[in-house]
Amino acid sequence: MKNEDGSTKQSGGDFPLNDAERQPCEIWTRVMGYHRPVSSFNAGKKGEFYERKPFTEAAAGHRGDLSSRGDDTAHCD
């Protein structure tokens, strides 16, 4: 849908596109030190990729600052 000025921008910043205007987005990831497109993975590796959960520090839990323990050694609780 085009506006009077020929732009496709609508209020709110949305840019609606029809299917002919769309292009596929290629997803890349780092595996063993190399960046590779997920589309090149075999079925098993694709399954592993989509089962991954992104790391977040909040989800990992804050265990305190190691430097406050008085030494530089990491301790396993």
C-alpha atoms as a PDB file:
ATOM      1  CA  MET A   1       0.000   0.000   0.000  1.00  0.00           C
ATOM      2  CA  LYS A   2       1.479   3.335  -1.033  1.00  0.00           C
ATOM      3  CA  ASN A   3       0.868   6.713   0.568  1.00  0.00           C
ATOM      4  CA  GLU A   4       0.148   9.857  -1.432  1.00  0.00           C
ATOM      5  CA  ASP A   5       3.887  10.658  -1.494  1.00  0.00           C
ATOM      6  CA  GLY A   6       4.713   7.161  -2.821  1.00  0.00           C
ATOM      7  CA  SER A   7       6.142   5.868   0.455  1.00  0.00           C
ATOM      8  CA  THR A   8       4.959   2.681   2.134  1.00  0.00           C
ATOM      9  CA  LYS A   9       5.493   3.918   5.706  1.00  0.00           C
ATOM     10  CA  GLN A  10       2.419   3.914   7.912  1.00  0.00           C
ATOM     11  CA  SER A  11       1.845   5.518  11.273  1.00  0.00           C
ATOM     12  CA  GLY A  12       3.668   3.704  14.040  1.00  0.00           C
ATOM     13  CA  GLY A  13       6.698   2.928  11.858  1.00  0.00           C
ATOM     14  CA  ASP A  14       5.338  -0.253  10.253  1.00  0.00           C
ATOM     15  CA  PHE A  15       6.494  -1.111   6.754  1.00  0.00           C
ATOM     16  CA  PRO A  16       4.014  -3.644   5.382  1.00  0.00           C
ATOM     17  CA  LEU A  17       5.414  -5.663   2.498  1.00  0.00           C
ATOM     18  CA  ASN A  18       3.682  -8.038   0.179  1.00  0.00           C
ATOM     19  CA  ASP A  19       5.281 -11.433  -0.454  1.00  0.00           C
ATOM     20  CA  ALA A  20       6.857 -10.281  -3.733  1.00  0.00           C
ATOM     21  CA  GLU A  21       8.828  -7.593  -1.852  1.00  0.00           C
ATOM     22  CA  ARG A  22      10.179  -9.936   0.830  1.00  0.00           C
ATOM     23  CA  GLN A  23      13.534 -11.728   0.807  1.00  0.00           C
ATOM     24  CA  PRO A  24      14.711 -14.610   2.986  1.00  0.00           C
ATOM     25  CA  CYS A  25      16.866 -13.833   6.018  1.00  0.00           C
ATOM     26  CA  GLU A  26      19.885 -16.094   6.366  1.00  0.00           C
ATOM     27  CA  ILE A  27      20.827 -17.039   9.933  1.00  0.00           C
ATOM     28  CA  TRP A  28      24.528 -17.521  10.738  1.00  0.00           C
ATOM     29  CA  THR A  29      26.090 -18.952  13.882  1.00  0.00           C
ATOM     30  CA  ARG A  30      29.570 -19.659  15.211  1.00  0.00           C
ATOM     31  CA  VAL A  31      30.508 -23.327  15.366  1.00  0.00           C
ATOM     32  CA  MET A  32      33.978 -24.469  16.450  1.00  0.00           C
ATOM     33  CA  GLY A  33      35.423 -21.014  15.792  1.00  0.00           C
ATOM     34  CA  TYR A  34      33.927 -20.633  12.313  1.00  0.00           C
ATOM     35  CA  HIS A  35      30.877 -18.641  11.243  1.00  0.00           C
ATOM     36  CA  ARG A  36      28.531 -20.786   9.148  1.00  0.00           C
ATOM     37  CA  PRO A  37      25.015 -20.363   7.774  1.00  0.00           C
ATOM     38  CA  VAL A  38      22.478 -22.571   9.541  1.00  0.00           C
ATOM     39  CA  SER A  39      21.079 -23.500   6.118  1.00  0.00           C
ATOM     40  CA  SER A  40      24.270 -25.513   5.463  1.00  0.00           C
ATOM     41  CA  PHE A  41      23.750 -27.724   8.558  1.00  0.00           C
ATOM     42  CA  ASN A  42      22.536 -31.311   8.311  1.00  0.00           C
ATOM     43  CA  ALA A  43      19.167 -32.207   9.911  1.00  0.00           C
ATOM     44  CA  GLY A  44      20.723 -33.224  13.248  1.00  0.00           C
ATOM     45  CA  LYS A  45      22.815 -30.080  13.609  1.00  0.00           C
ATOM     46  CA  LYS A  46      19.822 -27.884  12.673  1.00  0.00           C
ATOM     47  CA  GLY A  47      17.816 -29.592  15.411  1.00  0.00           C
ATOM     48  CA  GLU A  48      20.571 -28.904  17.946  1.00  0.00           C
ATOM     49  CA  PHE A  49      20.753 -25.261  16.856  1.00  0.00           C
ATOM     50  CA  TYR A  50      17.023 -24.647  17.276  1.00  0.00           C
ATOM     51  CA  GLU A  51      17.032 -26.335  20.723  1.00  0.00           C
ATOM     52  CA  ARG A  52      19.708 -23.950  22.027  1.00  0.00           C
ATOM     53  CA  LYS A  53      18.744 -21.401  24.632  1.00  0.00           C
ATOM     54  CA  PRO A  54      20.547 -18.047  24.680  1.00  0.00           C
ATOM     55  CA  PHE A  55      22.658 -17.296  27.740  1.00  0.00           C
ATOM     56  CA  THR A  56      21.432 -14.581  30.048  1.00  0.00           C
ATOM     57  CA  GLU A  57      23.265 -13.623  33.199  1.00  0.00           C
ATOM     58  CA  ALA A  58      20.006 -13.197  35.115  1.00  0.00           C
ATOM     59  CA  ALA A  59      18.912 -16.746  34.274  1.00  0.00           C
ATOM     60  CA  ALA A  60      22.311 -18.116  35.312  1.00  0.00           C
ATOM     61  CA  GLY A  61      21.951 -16.539  38.739  1.00  0.00           C
ATOM     62  CA  HIS A  62      24.327 -14.133  40.404  1.00  0.00           C
ATOM     63  CA  ARG A  63      26.791 -15.990  42.630  1.00  0.00           C
ATOM     64  CA  GLY A  64      28.638 -12.946  43.907  1.00  0.00           C
ATOM     65  CA  ASP A  65      31.821 -11.221  42.907  1.00  0.00           C
ATOM     66  CA  LEU A  66      34.808 -13.585  43.182  1.00  0.00           C
ATOM     67  CA  SER A  67      37.135 -10.698  44.031  1.00  0.00           C
ATOM     68  CA  SER A  68      35.184 -10.092  47.271  1.00  0.00           C
ATOM     69  CA  ARG A  69      36.317 -13.500  48.611  1.00  0.00           C
ATOM     70  CA  GLY A  70      39.811 -12.241  49.268  1.00  0.00           C
ATOM     71  CA  ASP A  71      41.649 -14.362  46.691  1.00  0.00           C
ATOM     72  CA  ASP A  72      41.809 -14.826  42.926  1.00  0.00           C
ATOM     73  CA  THR A  73      40.776 -18.482  42.958  1.00  0.00           C
ATOM     74  CA  ALA A  74      37.380 -19.455  41.570  1.00  0.00           C
ATOM     75  CA  HIS A  75      35.482 -21.684  43.972  1.00  0.00           C
ATOM     76  CA  CYS A  76      32.862 -24.259  43.105  1.00  0.00           C
ATOM     77  CA  ASP A  77      30.039 -24.319  45.631  1.00  0.00           C
END
